[in-house]
């Protein structure tokens, strides 16, 4: 049984790093969204601009 070639390892590593990057990015966006103030709403719950 032969192992993966060097190029296959590079592609797998790149895909893994992209996955980590996007996970961190989504987590940061969630934190920013939680920190931002909620838009003002009227009594019916509609957003007031």
PDB file of N, CA and C in Angstrom:
ATOM      1  N   UNK A   1       0.847  -1.196   0.000  1.00  0.00           N
ATOM      2  CA  UNK A   1       0.000   0.000   0.000  1.00  0.00           C
ATOM      3  C   UNK A   1       0.879   1.241   0.000  1.00  0.00           C
ATOM      4  N   UNK A   2       0.622   2.117  -0.952  1.00  0.00           N
ATOM      5  CA  UNK A   2       1.465   3.296  -1.119  1.00  0.00           C
ATOM      6  C   UNK A   2       0.780   4.518  -0.522  1.00  0.00           C
ATOM      7  N   UNK A   3       1.578   5.429   0.052  1.00  0.00           N
ATOM      8  CA  UNK A   3       1.027   6.654   0.639  1.00  0.00           C
ATOM      9  C   UNK A   3       0.669   7.670  -0.432  1.00  0.00           C
ATOM     10  N   UNK A   4       0.117   8.772   0.013  1.00  0.00           N
ATOM     11  CA  UNK A   4      -0.257   9.846  -0.906  1.00  0.00           C
ATOM     12  C   UNK A   4       0.988  10.577  -1.408  1.00  0.00           C
ATOM     13  N   UNK A   5       0.887  11.118  -2.605  1.00  0.00           N
ATOM     14  CA  UNK A   5       2.012  11.875  -3.157  1.00  0.00           C
ATOM     15  C   UNK A   5       2.099  13.240  -2.478  1.00  0.00           C
ATOM     16  N   UNK A   6       3.205  13.929  -2.725  1.00  0.00           N
ATOM     17  CA  UNK A   6       3.428  15.237  -2.101  1.00  0.00           C
ATOM     18  C   UNK A   6       2.378  16.244  -2.554  1.00  0.00           C
ATOM     19  N   UNK A   7       2.003  16.208  -3.832  1.00  0.00           N
ATOM     20  CA  UNK A   7       0.995  17.161  -4.319  1.00  0.00           C
ATOM     21  C   UNK A   7      -0.352  16.906  -3.662  1.00  0.00           C
ATOM     22  N   UNK A   8      -0.696  15.647  -3.449  1.00  0.00           N
ATOM     23  CA  UNK A   8      -1.964  15.340  -2.784  1.00  0.00           C
ATOM     24  C   UNK A   8      -1.957  15.891  -1.361  1.00  0.00           C
ATOM     25  N   UNK A   9      -0.830  15.761  -0.664  1.00  0.00           N
ATOM     26  CA  UNK A   9      -0.729  16.305   0.691  1.00  0.00           C
ATOM     27  C   UNK A   9      -0.864  17.820   0.676  1.00  0.00           C
ATOM     28  N   UNK A  10      -0.274  18.473  -0.321  1.00  0.00           N
ATOM     29  CA  UNK A  10      -0.367  19.939  -0.415  1.00  0.00           C
ATOM     30  C   UNK A  10      -1.821  20.354  -0.626  1.00  0.00           C
ATOM     31  N   UNK A  11      -2.534  19.666  -1.522  1.00  0.00           N
ATOM     32  CA  UNK A  11      -3.944  19.993  -1.754  1.00  0.00           C
ATOM     33  C   UNK A  11      -4.781  19.762  -0.499  1.00  0.00           C
ATOM     34  N   UNK A  12      -4.540  18.659   0.196  1.00  0.00           N
ATOM     35  CA  UNK A  12      -5.288  18.382   1.420  1.00  0.00           C
ATOM     36  C   UNK A  12      -5.003  19.429   2.489  1.00  0.00           C
ATOM     37  N   UNK A  13      -3.743  19.822   2.620  1.00  0.00           N
ATOM     38  CA  UNK A  13      -3.373  20.839   3.598  1.00  0.00           C
ATOM     39  C   UNK A  13      -4.014  22.180   3.249  1.00  0.00           C
ATOM     40  N   UNK A  14      -3.991  22.548   1.964  1.00  0.00           N
ATOM     41  CA  UNK A  14      -4.597  23.811   1.540  1.00  0.00           C
ATOM     42  C   UNK A  14      -6.101  23.796   1.824  1.00  0.00           C
ATOM     43  N   UNK A  15      -6.764  22.686   1.535  1.00  0.00           N
ATOM     44  CA  UNK A  15      -8.204  22.593   1.784  1.00  0.00           C
ATOM     45  C   UNK A  15      -8.501  22.689   3.279  1.00  0.00           C
ATOM     46  N   UNK A  16      -7.677  22.055   4.082  1.00  0.00           N
ATOM     47  CA  UNK A  16      -7.835  22.115   5.535  1.00  0.00           C
ATOM     48  C   UNK A  16      -7.668  23.545   6.037  1.00  0.00           C
ATOM     49  N   UNK A  17      -6.639  24.241   5.536  1.00  0.00           N
ATOM     50  CA  UNK A  17      -6.395  25.619   5.962  1.00  0.00           C
ATOM     51  C   UNK A  17      -7.524  26.544   5.524  1.00  0.00           C
ATOM     52  N   UNK A  18      -8.050  26.348   4.312  1.00  0.00           N
ATOM     53  CA  UNK A  18      -9.187  27.152   3.863  1.00  0.00           C
ATOM     54  C   UNK A  18     -10.401  26.913   4.757  1.00  0.00           C
ATOM     55  N   UNK A  19     -10.616  25.674   5.150  1.00  0.00           N
ATOM     56  CA  UNK A  19     -11.730  25.364   6.047  1.00  0.00           C
ATOM     57  C   UNK A  19     -11.590  26.068   7.384  1.00  0.00           C
ATOM     58  N   UNK A  20     -10.384  26.047   7.947  1.00  0.00           N
ATOM     59  CA  UNK A  20     -10.130  26.744   9.210  1.00  0.00           C
ATOM     60  C   UNK A  20     -10.353  28.244   9.038  1.00  0.00           C
ATOM     61  N   UNK A  21      -9.846  28.805   7.933  1.00  0.00           N
ATOM     62  CA  UNK A  21      -9.978  30.237   7.669  1.00  0.00           C
ATOM     63  C   UNK A  21     -11.450  30.646   7.608  1.00  0.00           C
ATOM     64  N   UNK A  22     -12.259  29.890   6.859  1.00  0.00           N
ATOM     65  CA  UNK A  22     -13.670  30.250   6.728  1.00  0.00           C
ATOM     66  C   UNK A  22     -14.422  30.051   8.038  1.00  0.00           C
ATOM     67  N   UNK A  23     -14.050  29.051   8.817  1.00  0.00           N
ATOM     68  CA  UNK A  23     -14.694  28.854  10.118  1.00  0.00           C
ATOM     69  C   UNK A  23     -14.418  30.030  11.041  1.00  0.00           C
ATOM     70  N   UNK A  24     -13.158  30.482  11.061  1.00  0.00           N
ATOM     71  CA  UNK A  24     -12.800  31.635  11.890  1.00  0.00           C
ATOM     72  C   UNK A  24     -13.519  32.884  11.399  1.00  0.00           C
ATOM     73  N   UNK A  25     -13.582  33.057  10.079  1.00  0.00           N
ATOM     74  CA  UNK A  25     -14.256  34.222   9.503  1.00  0.00           C
ATOM     75  C   UNK A  25     -15.736  34.241   9.895  1.00  0.00           C
ATOM     76  N   UNK A  26     -16.409  33.099   9.790  1.00  0.00           N
ATOM     77  CA  UNK A  26     -17.821  33.041  10.164  1.00  0.00           C
ATOM     78  C   UNK A  26     -18.016  33.286  11.657  1.00  0.00           C
ATOM     79  N   UNK A  27     -17.113  32.778  12.476  1.00  0.00           N
ATOM     80  CA  UNK A  27     -17.213  33.012  13.915  1.00  0.00           C
ATOM     81  C   UNK A  27     -17.050  34.493  14.227  1.00  0.00           C
ATOM     82  N   UNK A  28     -16.083  35.152  13.564  1.00  0.00           N
ATOM     83  CA  UNK A  28     -15.868  36.584  13.786  1.00  0.00           C
ATOM     84  C   UNK A  28     -17.083  37.390  13.327  1.00  0.00           C
ATOM     85  N   UNK A  29     -17.680  37.022  12.194  1.00  0.00           N
ATOM     86  CA  UNK A  29     -18.876  37.728  11.725  1.00  0.00           C
ATOM     87  C   UNK A  29     -20.032  37.559  12.714  1.00  0.00           C
ATOM     88  N   UNK A  30     -20.158  36.380  13.285  1.00  0.00           N
ATOM     89  CA  UNK A  30     -21.194  36.161  14.290  1.00  0.00           C
ATOM     90  C   UNK A  30     -20.984  37.022  15.518  1.00  0.00           C
ATOM     91  N   UNK A  31     -19.733  37.160  15.951  1.00  0.00           N
ATOM     92  CA  UNK A  31     -19.420  38.000  17.109  1.00  0.00           C
ATOM     93  C   UNK A  31     -19.728  39.461  16.800  1.00  0.00           C
ATOM     94  N   UNK A  32     -19.324  39.929  15.609  1.00  0.00           N
ATOM     95  CA  UNK A  32     -19.581  41.316  15.220  1.00  0.00           C
ATOM     96  C   UNK A  32     -21.084  41.570  15.144  1.00  0.00           C
ATOM     97  N   UNK A  33     -21.822  40.614  14.593  1.00  0.00           N
ATOM     98  CA  UNK A  33     -23.277  40.777  14.482  1.00  0.00           C
ATOM     99  C   UNK A  33     -23.918  40.870  15.863  1.00  0.00           C
ATOM    100  N   UNK A  34     -23.406  40.111  16.824  1.00  0.00           N
ATOM    101  CA  UNK A  34     -23.951  40.152  18.172  1.00  0.00           C
ATOM    102  C   UNK A  34     -23.633  41.475  18.864  1.00  0.00           C
ATOM    103  N   UNK A  35     -22.454  42.048  18.564  1.00  0.00           N
ATOM    104  CA  UNK A  35     -22.032  43.293  19.217  1.00  0.00           C
ATOM    105  C   UNK A  35     -22.801  44.496  18.676  1.00  0.00           C
ATOM    106  N   UNK A  36     -23.095  44.492  17.371  1.00  0.00           N
ATOM    107  CA  UNK A  36     -23.767  45.639  16.760  1.00  0.00           C
ATOM    108  C   UNK A  36     -25.145  45.853  17.376  1.00  0.00           C
ATOM    109  N   UNK A  37     -25.562  47.136  17.491  1.00  0.00           N
ATOM    110  CA  UNK A  37     -26.893  47.398  18.059  1.00  0.00           C
ATOM    111  C   UNK A  37     -27.999  46.935  17.120  1.00  0.00           C
ATOM    112  N   UNK A  38     -29.115  46.554  17.694  1.00  0.00           N
ATOM    113  CA  UNK A  38     -30.255  46.124  16.893  1.00  0.00           C
ATOM    114  C   UNK A  38     -30.889  47.349  16.234  1.00  0.00           C
ATOM    115  N   UNK A  39     -31.419  47.211  15.018  1.00  0.00           N
ATOM    116  CA  UNK A  39     -32.082  48.348  14.373  1.00  0.00           C
ATOM    117  C   UNK A  39     -33.362  48.716  15.118  1.00  0.00           C
ATOM    118  N   UNK A  40     -33.715  50.005  15.117  1.00  0.00           N
ATOM    119  CA  UNK A  40     -34.943  50.403  15.825  1.00  0.00           C
ATOM    120  C   UNK A  40     -36.180  49.799  15.163  1.00  0.00           C
ATOM    121  N   UNK A  41     -37.157  49.410  15.980  1.00  0.00           N
ATOM    122  CA  UNK A  41     -38.390  48.807  15.461  1.00  0.00           C
ATOM    123  C   UNK A  41     -39.589  49.552  16.052  1.00  0.00           C
ATOM    124  N   UNK A  42     -40.659  49.564  15.292  1.00  0.00           N
ATOM    125  CA  UNK A  42     -41.884  50.144  15.841  1.00  0.00           C
ATOM    126  C   UNK A  42     -42.660  49.059  16.592  1.00  0.00           C
ATOM    127  N   UNK A  43     -43.864  49.374  17.040  1.00  0.00           N
ATOM    128  CA  UNK A  43     -44.615  48.435  17.886  1.00  0.00           C
ATOM    129  C   UNK A  43     -45.035  47.166  17.153  1.00  0.00           C
ATOM    130  N   UNK A  44     -45.137  47.218  15.820  1.00  0.00           N
ATOM    131  CA  UNK A  44     -45.543  46.024  15.074  1.00  0.00           C
ATOM    132  C   UNK A  44     -44.374  45.080  14.827  1.00  0.00           C
ATOM    133  N   UNK A  45     -43.146  45.520  15.119  1.00  0.00           N
ATOM    134  CA  UNK A  45     -41.972  44.685  14.902  1.00  0.00           C
ATOM    135  C   UNK A  45     -41.279  44.946  13.585  1.00  0.00           C
ATOM    136  N   UNK A  46     -41.816  45.868  12.783  1.00  0.00           N
ATOM    137  CA  UNK A  46     -41.163  46.211  11.519  1.00  0.00           C
ATOM    138  C   UNK A  46     -39.976  47.129  11.780  1.00  0.00           C
ATOM    139  N   UNK A  47     -38.947  46.987  10.965  1.00  0.00           N
ATOM    140  CA  UNK A  47     -37.758  47.827  11.113  1.00  0.00           C
ATOM    141  C   UNK A  47     -38.074  49.231  10.609  1.00  0.00           C
ATOM    142  N   UNK A  48     -37.735  50.228  11.415  1.00  0.00           N
ATOM    143  CA  UNK A  48     -37.981  51.629  11.065  1.00  0.00           C
ATOM    144  C   UNK A  48     -36.705  52.213  10.489  1.00  0.00           C
ATOM    145  N   UNK A  49     -36.811  52.784   9.289  1.00  0.00           N
ATOM    146  CA  UNK A  49     -35.632  53.393   8.668  1.00  0.00           C
ATOM    147  C   UNK A  49     -35.649  54.889   8.822  1.00  0.00           C
TER     148      UNK A  49
END
